[in-house]
């Protein structure tokens, strides 16, 4: 784009963004002005002339503060690529105790509805993010909002001044137009530092949230490890261990029959050999479920290629580089891909799937796509939610795009260094 074309486009985009910032920043002050105007209209003799405006101001401020701040975070992220984390506290589970009362993390209530309502209000009043939102909406109109209103004020002055015949009014209109054009590309920009300064959690809050997150991840990991240990113990007890016991009994019986009934002894030995082979196969399958040998020997990409051969789908695996990651990360990603492909084969009604590995500046990105019916979601407590929690142990993320009718694309990203 030529410089002569870039400047008008910059002015137009800046003016639209400045209007958006001004409107959003002034939304709650507009509620305040409307409340005061309502009180004046009712008159001093009306007993509601001061009660109703106060209620309207409080209700409007508390109701609109979070939506306004969410919109500001969204606009800042879209316009400047600066992420301003919200840091809202999440509600914990509400459980019923043996006494019949419900525990919500703060108090015991008689019904689940009362427990949820009490939890909601306690979280609201004790959440630092709520008070950061209220602080921001009080400061934004006089900082980012006032600056963003300059192009609007300039356009208004130009419209009023240029419509008059007096030279002074026309001069004011020209100056307003100049101010609007000159300020438009820059008037919206103060919203980023203001949002970062007043909406971003403090370092102490961020550290506390990180501690809570790591504590939850540690609990999830402990539960997953306990379940895995139970699975291994159950498989050993019901499978290989039972076969080995039978193998020992067969060998003891064959030893006793060796002199009296050699044919029966040889038959028992043949059965024992078959049992030993079956036990070895089960042990290999169990080891493959814990840590596949191909994963340890040849790496993540080749292990996924070997896995794709066992999936009843047309699976394509592509990788731009050869990846060698830390064993825990490789294992988590491998079993994550295995779970996604298994879900695709069982539930998606897909004919083809594609697994792609990409190495970027921050880590490894794996995308699993299929041409199935879509509709996959990461609802709490589901399989994809469990996969998301397992990846979070490594600061990884899971993104799901699965509209009804398909296709489905699941993106796993883990920050790490490859060798």
Protein backbone atom coordinates (compact mmCIF):
# COMPACT_ATOMS: atom_id res chain seq x y z
CA UNK A 1 0.00 0.00 0.00
CA UNK A 2 1.33 3.44 -0.95
CA UNK A 3 1.92 6.07 1.70
CA UNK A 4 -0.80 8.26 0.20
CA UNK A 5 -3.30 5.45 0.59
CA UNK A 6 -2.09 4.27 4.00
CA UNK A 7 -2.76 7.54 5.83
CA UNK A 8 -6.52 7.76 5.05
CA UNK A 9 -6.91 4.10 5.97
CA UNK A 10 -5.03 4.70 9.22
CA UNK A 11 -7.27 7.68 9.99
CA UNK A 12 -10.43 5.69 9.24
CA UNK A 13 -9.42 2.68 11.32
CA UNK A 14 -8.24 4.91 14.15
CA UNK A 15 -11.47 6.88 14.14
CA UNK A 16 -13.59 3.72 14.37
CA UNK A 17 -11.45 2.35 17.20
CA UNK A 18 -11.52 5.68 19.04
CA UNK A 19 -15.32 5.73 18.77
CA UNK A 20 -15.49 2.20 20.17
CA UNK A 21 -13.23 3.05 23.11
CA UNK A 22 -15.13 6.26 23.84
CA UNK A 23 -18.54 4.55 23.76
CA UNK A 24 -17.43 1.65 25.95
CA UNK A 25 -15.61 3.87 28.43
CA UNK A 26 -18.51 6.30 28.72
CA UNK A 27 -21.24 3.66 28.96
CA UNK A 28 -21.36 3.50 32.75
CA UNK A 29 -21.00 7.31 33.20
CA UNK A 30 -23.97 7.57 30.81
CA UNK A 31 -25.94 5.39 33.23
CA UNK A 32 -24.98 7.76 36.04
CA UNK A 33 -26.10 10.81 34.05
CA UNK A 34 -29.39 9.10 33.19
CA UNK A 35 -29.98 8.33 36.85
CA UNK A 36 -29.33 11.94 37.89
CA UNK A 37 -31.59 13.20 35.08
CA UNK A 38 -34.33 10.87 36.29
CA UNK A 39 -34.04 12.26 39.82
CA UNK A 40 -34.22 15.84 38.55
CA UNK A 41 -37.21 15.04 36.37
CA UNK A 42 -39.11 13.55 39.31
CA UNK A 43 -38.48 16.68 41.32
CA UNK A 44 -37.27 17.28 44.86
CA UNK A 45 -40.71 16.67 46.35
CA UNK A 46 -40.87 13.07 45.20
CA UNK A 47 -39.42 10.70 47.84
CA UNK A 48 -38.01 8.51 45.02
CA UNK A 49 -36.09 11.39 43.46
CA UNK A 50 -32.92 10.45 45.33
CA UNK A 51 -33.51 6.76 46.18
CA UNK A 52 -34.21 5.58 42.62
CA UNK A 53 -31.14 7.28 41.04
CA UNK A 54 -28.91 5.81 43.74
CA UNK A 55 -30.30 2.32 43.15
CA UNK A 56 -29.95 2.76 39.37
CA UNK A 57 -26.35 3.92 39.69
CA UNK A 58 -25.37 0.99 41.91
CA UNK A 59 -27.24 -1.64 39.91
CA UNK A 60 -26.02 -0.34 36.56
CA UNK A 61 -22.42 -0.09 37.72
CA UNK A 62 -22.33 -3.58 39.24
CA UNK A 63 -24.16 -5.16 36.30
CA UNK A 64 -22.16 -3.55 33.49
CA UNK A 65 -18.68 -3.55 35.04
CA UNK A 66 -17.73 -7.11 34.07
CA UNK A 67 -19.15 -7.02 30.49
CA UNK A 68 -17.46 -3.66 29.85
CA UNK A 69 -14.09 -4.92 31.09
CA UNK A 70 -14.40 -8.11 29.08
CA UNK A 71 -15.01 -6.07 25.93
CA UNK A 72 -12.00 -3.89 26.72
CA UNK A 73 -9.78 -6.97 27.19
CA UNK A 74 -11.07 -8.40 23.91
CA UNK A 75 -10.42 -5.18 21.97
CA UNK A 76 -6.94 -4.73 23.44
CA UNK A 77 -6.04 -8.31 22.56
CA UNK A 78 -7.38 -7.96 19.01
CA UNK A 79 -5.86 -4.56 18.28
CA UNK A 80 -2.50 -4.82 20.03
CA UNK A 81 -1.99 -8.58 20.64
CA UNK A 82 -1.60 -7.77 24.35
CA UNK A 83 -3.36 -10.30 26.52
CA UNK A 84 -4.83 -8.88 29.74
CA UNK A 85 -5.81 -11.89 31.86
CA UNK A 86 -9.08 -11.53 33.72
CA UNK A 87 -8.12 -13.60 36.73
CA UNK A 88 -11.69 -14.20 37.88
CA UNK A 89 -11.95 -16.83 40.57
CA UNK A 90 -13.72 -20.00 39.50
CA UNK A 91 -16.43 -21.57 41.59
CA UNK A 92 -15.50 -24.84 43.23
CA UNK A 93 -17.69 -27.94 43.38
CA UNK A 94 -20.75 -28.03 45.60
CA UNK A 95 -21.02 -31.37 47.37
CA UNK A 96 -23.65 -32.94 49.59
CA UNK A 97 -22.39 -34.20 52.93
CA UNK A 98 -23.54 -37.28 54.82
CA UNK A 99 -25.60 -35.02 57.07
CA UNK A 100 -27.67 -33.88 54.09
CA UNK A 101 -26.26 -30.34 54.05
CA UNK A 102 -24.46 -28.91 51.03
CA UNK A 103 -20.88 -27.60 51.30
CA UNK A 104 -19.89 -24.88 48.82
CA UNK A 105 -16.38 -24.13 50.01
CA UNK A 106 -17.52 -21.40 52.39
CA UNK A 107 -20.48 -22.64 54.40
CA UNK A 108 -23.07 -25.41 54.79
CA UNK A 109 -26.53 -24.85 53.31
CA UNK A 110 -29.75 -26.85 53.46
CA UNK A 111 -30.29 -27.05 49.67
CA UNK A 112 -28.01 -27.10 46.66
CA UNK A 113 -29.66 -23.94 45.32
CA UNK A 114 -28.89 -22.03 48.52
CA UNK A 115 -25.32 -23.34 48.46
CA UNK A 116 -24.80 -22.18 44.86
CA UNK A 117 -26.33 -18.77 45.57
CA UNK A 118 -24.21 -18.26 48.68
CA UNK A 119 -21.09 -19.36 46.81
CA UNK A 120 -21.85 -16.98 43.92
CA UNK A 121 -22.19 -13.93 46.13
CA UNK A 122 -19.22 -14.78 48.32
CA UNK A 123 -17.05 -15.20 45.25
CA UNK A 124 -18.32 -11.93 43.86
CA UNK A 125 -17.53 -9.91 46.98
CA UNK A 126 -14.18 -11.57 47.68
CA UNK A 127 -12.82 -11.75 44.13
CA UNK A 128 -10.05 -9.15 43.59
CA UNK A 129 -10.81 -9.16 39.86
CA UNK A 130 -14.26 -7.69 40.56
CA UNK A 131 -12.74 -4.77 42.43
CA UNK A 132 -10.19 -4.29 39.64
CA UNK A 133 -13.10 -4.02 37.20
CA UNK A 134 -14.83 -1.42 39.36
CA UNK A 135 -11.61 0.55 39.68
CA UNK A 136 -11.10 0.46 35.92
CA UNK A 137 -14.57 1.74 35.04
CA UNK A 138 -14.06 4.66 37.43
CA UNK A 139 -10.69 5.58 35.91
CA UNK A 140 -11.21 4.78 32.22
CA UNK A 141 -13.66 7.64 31.41
CA UNK A 142 -11.14 10.25 32.60
CA UNK A 143 -8.12 8.65 30.87
CA UNK A 144 -8.59 6.44 27.83
CA UNK A 145 -12.19 7.54 27.33
CA UNK A 146 -11.39 11.27 27.39
CA UNK A 147 -8.54 10.89 24.90
CA UNK A 148 -10.60 8.64 22.62
CA UNK A 149 -13.36 11.26 22.58
CA UNK A 150 -11.07 13.84 20.89
CA UNK A 151 -11.82 12.74 17.30
CA UNK A 152 -15.55 12.65 18.07
CA UNK A 153 -15.38 16.12 19.59
CA UNK A 154 -13.41 17.36 16.58
CA UNK A 155 -15.98 15.99 14.15
CA UNK A 156 -18.78 17.55 16.20
CA UNK A 157 -17.02 20.93 16.24
CA UNK A 158 -16.43 20.69 12.49
CA UNK A 159 -20.07 19.87 11.80
CA UNK A 160 -21.29 22.79 13.90
CA UNK A 161 -18.66 25.33 12.81
CA UNK A 162 -18.63 24.68 9.09
CA UNK A 163 -22.40 24.96 9.00
CA UNK A 164 -22.26 28.59 10.23
CA UNK A 165 -21.61 31.66 8.17
CA UNK A 166 -19.50 33.55 10.70
CA UNK A 167 -15.74 33.43 10.02
CA UNK A 168 -14.92 32.57 13.64
CA UNK A 169 -17.32 29.63 13.63
CA UNK A 170 -15.86 28.38 10.33
CA UNK A 171 -12.35 28.68 11.76
CA UNK A 172 -13.43 26.62 14.78
CA UNK A 173 -14.91 24.03 12.41
CA UNK A 174 -11.68 23.78 10.42
CA UNK A 175 -9.64 23.44 13.60
CA UNK A 176 -12.04 20.72 14.83
CA UNK A 177 -11.62 18.81 11.58
CA UNK A 178 -7.83 19.07 11.82
CA UNK A 179 -7.92 17.82 15.41
CA UNK A 180 -10.17 14.90 14.43
CA UNK A 181 -7.96 13.84 11.53
CA UNK A 182 -4.70 14.27 13.44
CA UNK A 183 -5.88 12.55 16.62
CA UNK A 184 -7.81 9.65 15.08
CA UNK A 185 -4.83 7.29 14.51
CA UNK A 186 -3.60 7.73 18.09
CA UNK A 187 -6.60 8.55 20.28
CA UNK A 188 -7.53 4.90 20.90
CA UNK A 189 -4.03 3.78 21.91
CA UNK A 190 -4.11 4.87 25.60
CA UNK A 191 -6.65 2.12 26.27
CA UNK A 192 -3.87 -0.49 26.17
CA UNK A 193 -1.64 0.92 28.96
CA UNK A 194 -4.67 1.83 31.06
CA UNK A 195 -6.10 -1.68 30.74
CA UNK A 196 -2.74 -3.28 31.49
CA UNK A 197 -2.20 -1.05 34.51
CA UNK A 198 -5.62 -1.38 36.12
CA UNK A 199 -7.07 -4.68 34.85
CA UNK A 200 -4.08 -7.00 34.95
CA UNK A 201 -3.70 -8.92 38.23
CA UNK A 202 -0.83 -7.85 40.44
CA UNK A 203 2.23 -10.05 40.74
CA UNK A 204 1.05 -11.24 44.15
CA UNK A 205 -2.38 -12.16 42.77
CA UNK A 206 -0.84 -13.85 39.74
CA UNK A 207 1.46 -15.85 42.00
CA UNK A 208 -1.43 -16.88 44.22
CA UNK A 209 -3.49 -17.95 41.19
CA UNK A 210 -0.51 -19.89 39.87
CA UNK A 211 -0.12 -21.68 43.20
CA UNK A 212 -3.82 -22.61 43.15
CA UNK A 213 -3.49 -23.84 39.57
CA UNK A 214 -0.44 -25.95 40.36
CA UNK A 215 -2.16 -27.37 43.43
CA UNK A 216 -5.14 -28.43 41.31
CA UNK A 217 -2.82 -29.89 38.69
CA UNK A 218 -0.92 -31.83 41.35
CA UNK A 219 -4.20 -33.24 42.65
CA UNK A 220 -5.25 -34.23 39.11
CA UNK A 221 -1.88 -35.87 38.51
CA UNK A 222 -2.10 -37.79 41.77
CA UNK A 223 -5.57 -39.06 40.91
CA UNK A 224 -4.46 -40.04 37.40
CA UNK A 225 -1.41 -41.88 38.74
CA UNK A 226 -3.51 -43.77 41.29
CA UNK A 227 -5.96 -44.80 38.56
CA UNK A 228 -3.08 -45.90 36.34
CA UNK A 229 -1.55 -47.98 39.14
CA UNK A 230 -4.91 -49.67 39.74
CA UNK A 231 -5.24 -50.41 36.03
CA UNK A 232 -1.76 -51.97 35.87
CA UNK A 233 -2.38 -54.01 39.01
CA UNK A 234 -5.74 -55.23 37.69
CA UNK A 235 -4.27 -56.19 34.31
CA UNK A 236 -1.40 -58.05 35.94
CA UNK A 237 -3.67 -59.84 38.40
CA UNK A 238 -6.34 -60.84 35.88
CA UNK A 239 -4.04 -61.52 32.95
CA UNK A 240 -0.35 -62.36 33.10
CA UNK A 241 -0.31 -63.34 36.77
CA UNK A 242 -3.17 -65.83 36.35
CA UNK A 243 -1.50 -67.35 33.28
CA UNK A 244 1.82 -67.67 35.09
CA UNK A 245 0.11 -69.46 37.99
CA UNK A 246 -1.52 -71.87 35.55
CA UNK A 247 1.85 -72.29 33.85
CA UNK A 248 3.43 -73.34 37.14
CA UNK A 249 0.66 -75.84 37.86
CA UNK A 250 0.96 -77.33 34.37
CA UNK A 251 4.73 -77.76 34.73
CA UNK A 252 4.32 -79.40 38.15
CA UNK A 253 1.72 -81.81 36.77
CA UNK A 254 3.87 -82.58 33.74
CA UNK A 255 6.79 -83.35 36.01
CA UNK A 256 4.73 -85.91 37.90
CA UNK A 257 3.40 -87.51 34.69
CA UNK A 258 6.74 -87.64 32.92
CA UNK A 259 7.40 -91.28 33.92
CA UNK A 260 3.85 -92.67 34.11
CA UNK A 261 2.17 -90.92 31.16
CA UNK A 262 4.69 -89.25 28.82
CA UNK A 263 2.06 -88.33 26.18
CA UNK A 264 -0.05 -86.45 28.74
CA UNK A 265 3.08 -84.76 30.07
CA UNK A 266 4.04 -83.60 26.56
CA UNK A 267 0.53 -82.24 26.02
CA UNK A 268 0.77 -80.29 29.25
CA UNK A 269 4.15 -78.92 28.19
CA UNK A 270 2.70 -77.80 24.86
CA UNK A 271 -0.11 -76.03 26.72
CA UNK A 272 2.44 -74.48 29.05
CA UNK A 273 4.44 -73.17 26.11
CA UNK A 274 1.30 -71.59 24.62
CA UNK A 275 0.45 -70.08 28.00
CA UNK A 276 3.96 -68.66 28.29
CA UNK A 277 3.67 -67.07 24.84
CA UNK A 278 0.28 -65.59 25.71
CA UNK A 279 1.65 -64.23 29.01
CA UNK A 280 4.57 -62.65 27.18
CA UNK A 281 2.20 -61.03 24.68
CA UNK A 282 0.06 -59.63 27.51
CA UNK A 283 3.10 -58.26 29.30
CA UNK A 284 4.29 -56.62 26.10
CA UNK A 285 0.84 -55.10 25.58
CA UNK A 286 0.86 -53.84 29.16
CA UNK A 287 4.32 -52.29 28.73
CA UNK A 288 3.17 -50.72 25.47
CA UNK A 289 0.26 -49.12 27.34
CA UNK A 290 2.62 -47.70 29.97
CA UNK A 291 5.43 -46.55 27.67
CA UNK A 292 5.50 -47.80 24.07
CA UNK A 293 9.00 -49.02 23.11
CA UNK A 294 8.83 -47.24 19.76
CA UNK A 295 8.24 -43.97 21.63
CA UNK A 296 11.42 -44.44 23.66
CA UNK A 297 13.49 -45.67 20.74
CA UNK A 298 12.37 -43.57 17.78
CA UNK A 299 10.53 -40.58 19.19
CA UNK A 300 7.07 -39.06 19.17
CA UNK A 301 6.45 -38.75 15.43
CA UNK A 302 7.37 -42.35 14.60
CA UNK A 303 5.38 -43.60 17.60
CA UNK A 304 2.27 -41.78 16.33
CA UNK A 305 2.88 -43.21 12.83
CA UNK A 306 2.98 -46.70 14.34
CA UNK A 307 -0.18 -45.92 16.32
CA UNK A 308 -1.96 -44.75 13.16
CA UNK A 309 -1.52 -48.19 11.62
CA UNK A 310 -3.77 -49.70 14.31
CA UNK A 311 -6.56 -47.11 13.96
CA UNK A 312 -9.45 -48.19 11.68
CA UNK A 313 -9.26 -44.90 9.77
CA UNK A 314 -7.23 -43.42 6.95
CA UNK A 315 -4.80 -41.50 9.17
CA UNK A 316 -2.13 -39.21 7.69
CA UNK A 317 0.77 -38.12 9.88
CA UNK A 318 2.89 -35.14 8.81
CA UNK A 319 5.81 -33.48 10.56
CA UNK A 320 8.10 -30.70 9.40
CA UNK A 321 10.91 -31.67 11.79
CA UNK A 322 12.09 -34.66 13.76
CA UNK A 323 11.10 -34.07 17.38
CA UNK A 324 12.84 -35.40 20.46
CA UNK A 325 11.29 -34.05 23.64
CA UNK A 326 11.57 -34.80 27.32
CA UNK A 327 10.08 -38.25 28.04
CA UNK A 328 7.18 -36.97 30.22
CA UNK A 329 6.12 -34.49 27.52
CA UNK A 330 6.43 -37.08 24.77
CA UNK A 331 4.34 -39.53 26.76
CA UNK A 332 1.62 -36.96 27.48
CA UNK A 333 1.40 -35.90 23.83
CA UNK A 334 1.47 -39.47 22.55
CA UNK A 335 -1.38 -40.62 24.76
CA UNK A 336 -3.24 -37.39 23.99
CA UNK A 337 -3.06 -38.14 20.25
CA UNK A 338 -4.04 -41.75 20.97
CA UNK A 339 -7.11 -40.61 22.91
CA UNK A 340 -8.15 -38.17 20.17
CA UNK A 341 -7.78 -40.76 17.40
CA UNK A 342 -9.66 -43.34 19.46
CA UNK A 343 -12.50 -40.88 20.03
CA UNK A 344 -12.55 -40.10 16.31
CA UNK A 345 -12.81 -43.77 15.41
CA UNK A 346 -15.53 -44.46 18.00
CA UNK A 347 -17.74 -41.38 17.95
CA UNK A 348 -16.99 -39.03 15.04
CA UNK A 349 -18.14 -41.26 12.14
CA UNK A 350 -15.10 -40.07 10.23
CA UNK A 351 -13.38 -41.70 7.25
CA UNK A 352 -10.10 -39.79 7.39
CA UNK A 353 -7.98 -38.08 10.00
CA UNK A 354 -4.78 -36.06 9.88
CA UNK A 355 -2.16 -35.53 12.57
CA UNK A 356 0.32 -32.71 12.01
CA UNK A 357 3.36 -31.74 14.07
CA UNK A 358 4.67 -28.18 13.93
CA UNK A 359 7.61 -26.66 15.77
CA UNK A 360 7.33 -22.92 16.41
CA UNK A 361 9.20 -20.37 18.51
CA UNK A 362 7.47 -21.32 21.75
CA UNK A 363 7.10 -25.08 21.58
CA UNK A 364 5.38 -27.96 19.83
CA UNK A 365 1.93 -27.77 18.26
CA UNK A 366 -0.01 -30.91 17.33
CA UNK A 367 -3.26 -30.71 15.37
CA UNK A 368 -5.61 -33.66 15.02
CA UNK A 369 -8.26 -33.13 12.34
CA UNK A 370 -11.00 -35.39 11.03
CA UNK A 371 -13.90 -35.20 8.58
CA UNK A 372 -16.47 -36.48 11.05
CA UNK A 373 -19.78 -35.14 12.26
CA UNK A 374 -18.30 -32.65 14.75
CA UNK A 375 -19.94 -31.61 17.99
CA UNK A 376 -16.98 -32.45 20.25
CA UNK A 377 -16.74 -30.28 23.36
CA UNK A 378 -14.55 -29.97 26.40
CA UNK A 379 -17.30 -30.02 29.01
CA UNK A 380 -16.09 -30.26 32.63
CA UNK A 381 -15.50 -33.83 33.68
CA UNK A 382 -15.33 -35.14 30.11
CA UNK A 383 -12.45 -36.87 28.37
CA UNK A 384 -11.24 -33.75 26.56
CA UNK A 385 -11.34 -31.80 29.80
CA UNK A 386 -9.15 -34.47 31.41
CA UNK A 387 -6.72 -34.19 28.49
CA UNK A 388 -6.65 -30.42 28.93
CA UNK A 389 -5.78 -30.83 32.62
CA UNK A 390 -3.01 -33.31 31.82
CA UNK A 391 -1.48 -30.89 29.33
CA UNK A 392 -1.78 -28.03 31.82
CA UNK A 393 0.78 -29.80 34.01
CA UNK A 394 3.33 -28.83 31.33
CA UNK A 395 1.75 -25.38 30.77
CA UNK A 396 0.16 -26.79 27.64
CA UNK A 397 -3.15 -25.78 26.11
CA UNK A 398 -5.95 -27.59 24.28
CA UNK A 399 -8.16 -25.80 21.75
CA UNK A 400 -11.22 -27.44 20.20
CA UNK A 401 -12.95 -26.35 16.99
CA UNK A 402 -15.82 -28.76 16.28
CA UNK A 403 -18.95 -27.16 14.84
CA UNK A 404 -22.01 -29.38 14.32
CA UNK A 405 -21.57 -31.22 11.07
CA UNK A 406 -17.78 -31.08 11.29
CA UNK A 407 -14.97 -31.01 10.64
CA UNK A 408 -13.23 -31.26 14.00
CA UNK A 409 -9.80 -29.82 14.73
CA UNK A 410 -8.15 -30.24 18.14
CA UNK A 411 -4.96 -28.29 18.73
CA UNK A 412 -2.51 -29.25 21.48
CA UNK A 413 0.35 -26.83 22.22
CA UNK A 414 3.11 -27.39 24.77
CA UNK A 415 5.96 -24.92 25.37
CA UNK A 416 9.21 -26.86 25.32
CA UNK A 417 12.59 -27.24 23.67
CA UNK A 418 13.25 -30.05 21.20
CA UNK A 419 16.56 -31.70 20.57
